């Protein structure tokens, strides 16, 4: 049985964002895009039957926290209930580990793999988990970077430039490289567009 997903669009200092939720928790966050239409389209691509709804108080508090985050306020999303959907065991472990990264705390794909008892060859798998993270910011995938001071990829709108801006909001300085290429044809869960 599929859980009913509701969503809400809202504006932040970085652009228009979208949040989706069900009875288990937040199931989708679409980071700021240039327009409300882009944010909505990105969320509805993942949840085609989602219903636009005014958020209940618990979701409204998450929306307010996201707005405060993009205004530069230190915000902690650790207690927000989430529904990550069906994930592989390794992805679940990656998300649980990354969720514990605090404000301004950055690590690398390889360091996450090592912390989970996996070899360096699993760094790419960590990167795949980050690219498919359904609730960015709540599971702070922007805090996971490439080795050697490289920003790494970011599938949210604006790519690595947006990731660098989010890290800068938290006092972490990493230079953004080129924005990664668009998703492969048929890949529908990649976020696209976001200007600061």
Protein backbone atom coordinates (compact mmCIF):
# COMPACT_ATOMS: atom_id res chain seq x y z
CA UNK A 1 0.00 0.00 0.00
CA UNK A 2 1.42 3.38 -1.02
CA UNK A 3 1.43 6.12 1.61
CA UNK A 4 -0.36 9.32 0.60
CA UNK A 5 2.17 12.12 0.06
CA UNK A 6 1.24 15.76 0.57
CA UNK A 7 3.43 18.67 -0.42
CA UNK A 8 3.84 22.38 0.12
CA UNK A 9 5.77 25.03 -1.83
CA UNK A 10 7.46 27.90 -0.03
CA UNK A 11 9.99 30.65 -0.63
CA UNK A 12 13.42 30.99 0.98
CA UNK A 13 16.23 33.53 0.62
CA UNK A 14 17.73 31.15 -1.98
CA UNK A 15 14.58 30.61 -4.05
CA UNK A 16 11.50 28.40 -4.04
CA UNK A 17 11.55 25.07 -2.23
CA UNK A 18 9.13 22.17 -1.81
CA UNK A 19 8.55 19.72 1.00
CA UNK A 20 6.66 16.43 0.88
CA UNK A 21 5.40 14.37 3.79
CA UNK A 22 3.30 11.38 4.71
CA UNK A 23 2.06 9.94 8.00
CA UNK A 24 5.59 8.68 8.85
CA UNK A 25 7.45 11.94 8.34
CA UNK A 26 9.14 14.14 5.75
CA UNK A 27 9.54 12.11 2.56
CA UNK A 28 10.95 14.72 0.19
CA UNK A 29 12.75 18.04 0.28
CA UNK A 30 13.41 19.92 -2.92
CA UNK A 31 16.07 22.54 -2.36
CA UNK A 32 15.51 26.07 -3.66
CA UNK A 33 14.96 26.55 -7.38
CA UNK A 34 14.50 29.73 -9.40
CA UNK A 35 10.70 29.31 -9.56
CA UNK A 36 7.88 27.68 -7.63
CA UNK A 37 7.04 25.75 -10.80
CA UNK A 38 10.54 24.19 -10.90
CA UNK A 39 10.36 23.20 -7.23
CA UNK A 40 6.90 21.71 -7.67
CA UNK A 41 7.82 19.87 -10.86
CA UNK A 42 10.84 18.32 -9.18
CA UNK A 43 8.82 17.00 -6.25
CA UNK A 44 5.89 15.78 -8.35
CA UNK A 45 8.30 13.90 -10.63
CA UNK A 46 9.12 11.68 -7.65
CA UNK A 47 5.59 11.55 -6.21
CA UNK A 48 3.21 11.89 -9.13
CA UNK A 49 0.11 11.46 -6.96
CA UNK A 50 1.19 13.99 -4.30
CA UNK A 51 -1.42 16.50 -3.20
CA UNK A 52 -0.71 20.19 -2.57
CA UNK A 53 -1.73 20.78 1.04
CA UNK A 54 -1.30 23.37 3.76
CA UNK A 55 1.22 21.82 6.14
CA UNK A 56 0.18 20.66 9.59
CA UNK A 57 2.03 22.29 12.54
CA UNK A 58 4.85 19.71 12.66
CA UNK A 59 5.60 20.16 8.95
CA UNK A 60 5.16 23.94 9.21
CA UNK A 61 7.92 23.98 11.83
CA UNK A 62 10.25 22.17 9.39
CA UNK A 63 9.35 24.66 6.64
CA UNK A 64 10.14 27.53 9.02
CA UNK A 65 13.46 25.88 9.92
CA UNK A 66 14.39 25.53 6.22
CA UNK A 67 13.57 29.22 5.66
CA UNK A 68 15.72 30.17 8.66
CA UNK A 69 18.56 27.94 7.41
CA UNK A 70 18.72 29.70 4.03
CA UNK A 71 18.59 33.05 5.84
CA UNK A 72 21.86 32.00 7.52
CA UNK A 73 20.53 30.86 10.91
CA UNK A 74 22.08 27.81 12.57
CA UNK A 75 19.39 25.11 12.42
CA UNK A 76 19.44 21.49 13.58
CA UNK A 77 17.22 19.03 11.70
CA UNK A 78 18.30 15.93 13.66
CA UNK A 79 14.94 15.40 15.38
CA UNK A 80 12.80 15.75 12.24
CA UNK A 81 11.02 12.45 11.49
CA UNK A 82 11.67 11.23 7.96
CA UNK A 83 10.46 8.52 5.63
CA UNK A 84 13.36 7.75 3.30
CA UNK A 85 11.37 5.16 1.36
CA UNK A 86 12.79 1.79 0.48
CA UNK A 87 16.59 1.87 0.55
CA UNK A 88 19.38 -0.69 0.44
CA UNK A 89 20.97 -1.54 3.80
CA UNK A 90 24.17 0.30 2.85
CA UNK A 91 22.26 3.45 1.84
CA UNK A 92 20.33 3.31 5.14
CA UNK A 93 23.64 3.15 7.01
CA UNK A 94 25.06 6.05 4.99
CA UNK A 95 21.98 8.21 5.64
CA UNK A 96 22.04 7.43 9.37
CA UNK A 97 25.74 8.34 9.57
CA UNK A 98 25.40 11.55 7.54
CA UNK A 99 22.34 12.60 9.52
CA UNK A 100 24.61 12.90 12.57
CA UNK A 101 26.92 15.43 10.90
CA UNK A 102 26.41 18.74 12.69
CA UNK A 103 26.36 22.35 11.54
CA UNK A 104 29.62 23.20 9.77
CA UNK A 105 30.94 19.65 10.03
CA UNK A 106 32.14 18.33 6.67
CA UNK A 107 33.55 14.93 5.79
CA UNK A 108 34.41 13.04 2.62
CA UNK A 109 32.75 10.20 0.73
CA UNK A 110 35.72 7.98 1.57
CA UNK A 111 35.62 8.89 5.27
CA UNK A 112 31.93 7.92 5.45
CA UNK A 113 32.70 4.58 3.79
CA UNK A 114 35.57 3.98 6.25
CA UNK A 115 33.42 4.93 9.26
CA UNK A 116 30.89 2.32 8.13
CA UNK A 117 33.59 -0.36 7.94
CA UNK A 118 33.70 -0.38 4.14
CA UNK A 119 36.79 -0.02 1.99
CA UNK A 120 37.70 3.08 -0.05
CA UNK A 121 36.11 1.47 -3.10
CA UNK A 122 32.75 2.18 -1.42
CA UNK A 123 33.28 5.96 -1.65
CA UNK A 124 31.40 5.91 -4.98
CA UNK A 125 28.51 4.09 -3.32
CA UNK A 126 28.41 6.78 -0.65
CA UNK A 127 28.30 9.34 -3.46
CA UNK A 128 25.38 7.46 -5.05
CA UNK A 129 23.53 7.50 -1.73
CA UNK A 130 24.07 11.25 -1.48
CA UNK A 131 22.89 11.80 -5.07
CA UNK A 132 19.69 9.86 -4.32
CA UNK A 133 19.01 11.41 -0.90
CA UNK A 134 15.26 12.18 -0.88
CA UNK A 135 15.50 14.64 2.03
CA UNK A 136 18.59 16.84 1.49
CA UNK A 137 19.31 19.32 4.26
CA UNK A 138 17.50 17.09 6.79
CA UNK A 139 19.99 14.38 5.85
CA UNK A 140 22.77 16.90 5.17
CA UNK A 141 24.39 15.43 2.07
CA UNK A 142 25.90 18.85 1.30
CA UNK A 143 28.31 18.17 4.19
CA UNK A 144 29.89 15.24 2.34
CA UNK A 145 32.62 16.34 -0.07
CA UNK A 146 35.25 14.86 -2.33
CA UNK A 147 38.75 13.99 -1.20
CA UNK A 148 41.56 16.52 -1.36
CA UNK A 149 39.35 19.55 -0.70
CA UNK A 150 37.19 18.99 -3.77
CA UNK A 151 33.53 19.92 -3.47
CA UNK A 152 32.20 16.75 -5.09
CA UNK A 153 28.91 16.46 -6.90
CA UNK A 154 25.52 17.78 -5.83
CA UNK A 155 22.30 16.80 -7.56
CA UNK A 156 20.31 19.71 -6.12
CA UNK A 157 19.51 22.81 -8.17
CA UNK A 158 22.68 24.73 -8.92
CA UNK A 159 24.94 21.72 -8.48
CA UNK A 160 28.28 22.15 -6.73
CA UNK A 161 27.87 25.95 -6.57
CA UNK A 162 24.78 25.52 -4.39
CA UNK A 163 26.61 22.98 -2.25
CA UNK A 164 29.48 25.45 -1.73
CA UNK A 165 26.98 28.20 -0.79
CA UNK A 166 25.26 25.92 1.73
CA UNK A 167 28.61 25.01 3.27
CA UNK A 168 29.56 28.70 3.33
CA UNK A 169 26.34 29.45 5.27
CA UNK A 170 27.74 27.05 7.87
CA UNK A 171 31.22 28.60 7.85
CA UNK A 172 32.87 25.88 5.72
CA UNK A 173 34.91 27.20 2.79
CA UNK A 174 35.30 24.84 -0.16
CA UNK A 175 35.63 26.05 -3.71
CA UNK A 176 32.91 24.84 -6.05
CA UNK A 177 34.06 23.08 -9.17
CA UNK A 178 32.05 22.77 -12.35
CA UNK A 179 28.41 21.78 -11.96
CA UNK A 180 27.94 18.06 -12.67
CA UNK A 181 26.28 16.99 -15.90
CA UNK A 182 22.51 16.54 -15.92
CA UNK A 183 21.06 13.17 -14.98
CA UNK A 184 21.07 10.37 -17.48
CA UNK A 185 17.93 10.05 -19.63
CA UNK A 186 15.19 8.30 -17.70
CA UNK A 187 16.61 9.36 -14.30
CA UNK A 188 13.77 11.28 -12.67
CA UNK A 189 14.87 12.06 -9.11
CA UNK A 190 17.62 14.59 -9.78
CA UNK A 191 16.90 18.14 -8.71
CA UNK A 192 17.78 20.86 -11.14
CA UNK A 193 18.18 24.74 -11.10
CA UNK A 194 19.09 27.00 -7.85
CA UNK A 195 20.67 30.36 -7.84
CA UNK A 196 21.96 32.24 -4.82
